[in-house]
PDB file of N, CA and C in Angstrom:
ATOM      1  N   MET A   1       0.865  -1.254  -0.429  1.00  0.00           N
ATOM      2  CA  MET A   1      -0.089  -0.004  -0.284  1.00  0.00           C
ATOM      3  C   MET A   1       1.227   1.262   0.300  1.00  0.00           C
ATOM      4  N   MET A   2       1.788   1.243   1.323  1.00  0.00           N
ATOM      5  CA  MET A   2       2.292   2.479   0.924  1.00  0.00           C
ATOM      6  C   MET A   2       3.503   2.718   0.310  1.00  0.00           C
ATOM      7  N   ILE A   3       4.168   1.797  -0.431  1.00  0.00           N
ATOM      8  CA  ILE A   3       5.177   1.399  -1.296  1.00  0.00           C
ATOM      9  C   ILE A   3       4.104   1.772  -2.886  1.00  0.00           C
ATOM     10  N   GLU A   4       2.919   1.663  -3.256  1.00  0.00           N
ATOM     11  CA  GLU A   4       2.638   2.205  -4.046  1.00  0.00           C
ATOM     12  C   GLU A   4       2.590   3.696  -4.899  1.00  0.00           C
ATOM     13  N   ARG A   5       2.197   4.409  -3.352  1.00  0.00           N
ATOM     14  CA  ARG A   5       1.614   5.840  -3.060  1.00  0.00           C
ATOM     15  C   ARG A   5       2.424   5.539  -3.434  1.00  0.00           C
ATOM     16  N   LEU A   6       4.076   5.424  -3.298  1.00  0.00           N
ATOM     17  CA  LEU A   6       5.292   6.196  -3.328  1.00  0.00           C
ATOM     18  C   LEU A   6       5.786   5.652  -4.697  1.00  0.00           C
ATOM     19  N   LYS A   7       5.954   4.506  -5.115  1.00  0.00           N
ATOM     20  CA  LYS A   7       6.052   4.991  -6.368  1.00  0.00           C
ATOM     21  C   LYS A   7       5.296   5.590  -7.214  1.00  0.00           C
ATOM     22  N   ARG A   8       4.510   5.776  -6.839  1.00  0.00           N
ATOM     23  CA  ARG A   8       3.450   7.062  -8.264  1.00  0.00           C
ATOM     24  C   ARG A   8       3.772   8.425  -7.243  1.00  0.00           C
ATOM     25  N   LEU A   9       4.229   8.585  -6.191  1.00  0.00           N
ATOM     26  CA  LEU A   9       4.818   9.797  -6.176  1.00  0.00           C
ATOM     27  C   LEU A   9       6.303  10.731  -6.678  1.00  0.00           C
ATOM     28  N   THR A  10       6.590   9.003  -6.982  1.00  0.00           N
ATOM     29  CA  THR A  10       7.987   9.324  -7.456  1.00  0.00           C
ATOM     30  C   THR A  10       7.784   9.159  -8.616  1.00  0.00           C
ATOM     31  N   LEU A  11       7.616   9.537  -9.874  1.00  0.00           N
ATOM     32  CA  LEU A  11       6.585   9.050 -10.751  1.00  0.00           C
ATOM     33  C   LEU A  11       6.558  10.582 -11.061  1.00  0.00           C
ATOM     34  N   LYS A  12       4.988  10.761 -10.205  1.00  0.00           N
ATOM     35  CA  LYS A  12       5.180  11.903 -10.305  1.00  0.00           C
ATOM     36  C   LYS A  12       6.106  12.682 -11.016  1.00  0.00           C
ATOM     37  N   LEU A  13       6.251  12.958  -8.967  1.00  0.00           N
ATOM     38  CA  LEU A  13       7.957  13.976  -9.168  1.00  0.00           C
ATOM     39  C   LEU A  13       8.832  14.550 -10.562  1.00  0.00           C
ATOM     40  N   PHE A  14       9.423  13.133 -11.325  1.00  0.00           N
ATOM     41  CA  PHE A  14       9.920  12.698 -11.924  1.00  0.00           C
ATOM     42  C   PHE A  14       9.819  13.389 -13.357  1.00  0.00           C
ATOM     43  N   ILE A  15       8.036  13.120 -13.751  1.00  0.00           N
ATOM     44  CA  ILE A  15       6.672  14.322 -14.475  1.00  0.00           C
ATOM     45  C   ILE A  15       7.643  15.069 -14.476  1.00  0.00           C
ATOM     46  N   TRP A  16       7.563  15.511 -13.659  1.00  0.00           N
ATOM     47  CA  TRP A  16       7.850  16.969 -12.904  1.00  0.00           C
ATOM     48  C   TRP A  16       8.905  18.084 -13.607  1.00  0.00           C
ATOM     49  N   GLY A  17       9.700  17.172 -12.852  1.00  0.00           N
ATOM     50  CA  GLY A  17      11.555  17.181 -12.693  1.00  0.00           C
ATOM     51  C   GLY A  17      11.425  17.149 -13.805  1.00  0.00           C
ATOM     52  N   ILE A  18      11.255  16.342 -15.620  1.00  0.00           N
ATOM     53  CA  ILE A  18      11.267  17.090 -17.073  1.00  0.00           C
ATOM     54  C   ILE A  18      11.289  17.757 -17.554  1.00  0.00           C
ATOM     55  N   GLY A  19       9.691  18.355 -16.813  1.00  0.00           N
ATOM     56  CA  GLY A  19       9.065  19.087 -17.667  1.00  0.00           C
ATOM     57  C   GLY A  19       9.448  20.786 -16.733  1.00  0.00           C
ATOM     58  N   LEU A  20      10.648  20.892 -16.219  1.00  0.00           N
ATOM     59  CA  LEU A  20      10.598  21.675 -15.242  1.00  0.00           C
ATOM     60  C   LEU A  20      12.231  22.441 -16.462  1.00  0.00           C
ATOM     61  N   LEU A  21      13.170  20.585 -15.715  1.00  0.00           N
ATOM     62  CA  LEU A  21      13.949  21.285 -17.981  1.00  0.00           C
ATOM     63  C   LEU A  21      14.272  21.094 -18.211  1.00  0.00           C
ATOM     64  N   LEU A  22      12.558  20.883 -18.654  1.00  0.00           N
ATOM     65  CA  LEU A  22      12.280  21.027 -20.669  1.00  0.00           C
ATOM     66  C   LEU A  22      12.590  22.622 -20.668  1.00  0.00           C
ATOM     67  N   LEU A  23      11.352  22.841 -19.780  1.00  0.00           N
ATOM     68  CA  LEU A  23      11.023  24.338 -19.386  1.00  0.00           C
ATOM     69  C   LEU A  23      12.278  25.218 -19.097  1.00  0.00           C
ATOM     70  N   VAL A  24      13.133  25.291 -18.265  1.00  0.00           N
ATOM     71  CA  VAL A  24      14.301  26.008 -17.864  1.00  0.00           C
ATOM     72  C   VAL A  24      15.381  25.883 -19.267  1.00  0.00           C
ATOM     73  N   GLY A  25      15.155  24.833 -20.018  1.00  0.00           N
ATOM     74  CA  GLY A  25      16.266  25.329 -21.007  1.00  0.00           C
ATOM     75  C   GLY A  25      15.252  25.703 -22.562  1.00  0.00           C
ATOM     76  N   ALA A  26      14.321  25.585 -22.556  1.00  0.00           N
ATOM     77  CA  ALA A  26      13.361  26.476 -23.514  1.00  0.00           C
ATOM     78  C   ALA A  26      13.504  27.985 -22.841  1.00  0.00           C
ATOM     79  N   VAL A  27      13.633  28.112 -22.435  1.00  0.00           N
ATOM     80  CA  VAL A  27      13.796  29.848 -21.872  1.00  0.00           C
ATOM     81  C   VAL A  27      15.193  30.169 -21.856  1.00  0.00           C
ATOM     82  N   ILE A  28      16.577  28.840 -21.582  1.00  0.00           N
ATOM     83  CA  ILE A  28      18.339  29.681 -21.178  1.00  0.00           C
ATOM     84  C   ILE A  28      17.567  29.940 -23.234  1.00  0.00           C
ATOM     85  N   ALA A  29      17.313  28.618 -24.104  1.00  0.00           N
ATOM     86  CA  ALA A  29      18.161  28.309 -24.791  1.00  0.00           C
ATOM     87  C   ALA A  29      16.850  29.475 -25.628  1.00  0.00           C
ATOM     88  N   SER A  30      15.999  30.390 -25.238  1.00  0.00           N
ATOM     89  CA  SER A  30      15.596  31.338 -26.504  1.00  0.00           C
ATOM     90  C   SER A  30      16.355  32.886 -25.757  1.00  0.00           C
ATOM     91  N   VAL A  31      16.442  32.969 -24.925  1.00  0.00           N
ATOM     92  CA  VAL A  31      17.467  34.163 -24.283  1.00  0.00           C
ATOM     93  C   VAL A  31      18.602  33.943 -25.705  1.00  0.00           C
ATOM     94  N   TYR A  32      20.317  33.126 -25.418  1.00  0.00           N
ATOM     95  CA  TYR A  32      21.144  32.990 -26.531  1.00  0.00           C
ATOM     96  C   TYR A  32      20.683  33.151 -28.013  1.00  0.00           C
ATOM     97  N   ILE A  33      19.407  32.530 -28.738  1.00  0.00           N
ATOM     98  CA  ILE A  33      18.593  33.160 -29.750  1.00  0.00           C
ATOM     99  C   ILE A  33      18.313  34.254 -29.740  1.00  0.00           C
ATOM    100  N   VAL A  34      17.558  35.346 -28.845  1.00  0.00           N
ATOM    101  CA  VAL A  34      18.017  36.869 -28.987  1.00  0.00           C
ATOM    102  C   VAL A  34      18.609  37.927 -28.852  1.00  0.00           C
ATOM    103  N   LEU A  35      19.955  36.889 -27.713  1.00  0.00           N
ATOM    104  CA  LEU A  35      21.547  37.679 -27.389  1.00  0.00           C
ATOM    105  C   LEU A  35      22.110  36.873 -29.365  1.00  0.00           C
ATOM    106  N   PHE A  36      21.689  36.451 -29.441  1.00  0.00           N
ATOM    107  CA  PHE A  36      22.705  36.322 -31.194  1.00  0.00           C
ATOM    108  C   PHE A  36      22.083  36.474 -31.603  1.00  0.00           C
ATOM    109  N   LEU A  37      20.943  36.710 -31.546  1.00  0.00           N
ATOM    110  CA  LEU A  37      20.392  37.935 -33.403  1.00  0.00           C
ATOM    111  C   LEU A  37      20.240  39.186 -33.032  1.00  0.00           C
ATOM    112  N   LEU A  38      20.636  40.097 -32.152  1.00  0.00           N
ATOM    113  CA  LEU A  38      21.043  41.454 -31.617  1.00  0.00           C
ATOM    114  C   LEU A  38      22.928  41.181 -31.489  1.00  0.00           C
ATOM    115  N   GLU A  39      23.221  40.386 -31.542  1.00  0.00           N
ATOM    116  CA  GLU A  39      25.479  40.188 -31.782  1.00  0.00           C
ATOM    117  C   GLU A  39      24.746  40.466 -33.726  1.00  0.00           C
ATOM    118  N   VAL A  40      24.332  39.817 -33.957  1.00  0.00           N
ATOM    119  CA  VAL A  40      24.067  39.680 -36.144  1.00  0.00           C
ATOM    120  C   VAL A  40      23.656  41.480 -36.399  1.00  0.00           C
ATOM    121  N   GLN A  41      23.116  42.082 -35.809  1.00  0.00           N
ATOM    122  CA  GLN A  41      22.025  42.649 -36.591  1.00  0.00           C
ATOM    123  C   GLN A  41      23.452  44.022 -35.821  1.00  0.00           C
ATOM    124  N   LEU A  42      23.367  43.950 -34.611  1.00  0.00           N
ATOM    125  CA  LEU A  42      24.932  45.002 -34.653  1.00  0.00           C
ATOM    126  C   LEU A  42      26.070  44.336 -35.829  1.00  0.00           C
ATOM    127  N   LEU A  43      26.068  43.283 -35.776  1.00  0.00           N
ATOM    128  CA  LEU A  43      27.348  42.611 -36.325  1.00  0.00           C
ATOM    129  C   LEU A  43      26.950  43.704 -38.261  1.00  0.00           C
ATOM    130  N   PHE A  44      25.718  43.575 -38.934  1.00  0.00           N
ATOM    131  CA  PHE A  44      25.798  43.402 -40.169  1.00  0.00           C
ATOM    132  C   PHE A  44      24.787  44.532 -40.587  1.00  0.00           C
ATOM    133  N   GLY A  45      24.651  45.123 -39.116  1.00  0.00           N
ATOM    134  CA  GLY A  45      23.417  46.492 -39.366  1.00  0.00           C
ATOM    135  C   GLY A  45      23.605  47.705 -39.625  1.00  0.00           C
TER     136      GLY A  45
END
């Protein structure tokens, strides 16, 4: 009984962790893309 609940909780935490990692990764990637585009505009502008 307790083990089943623990398994479900662990799975939920695992999925949440992956989701958060993907979210943070997407934010960092978009920041890098924006900085890169600004730099390109400065170089060729």
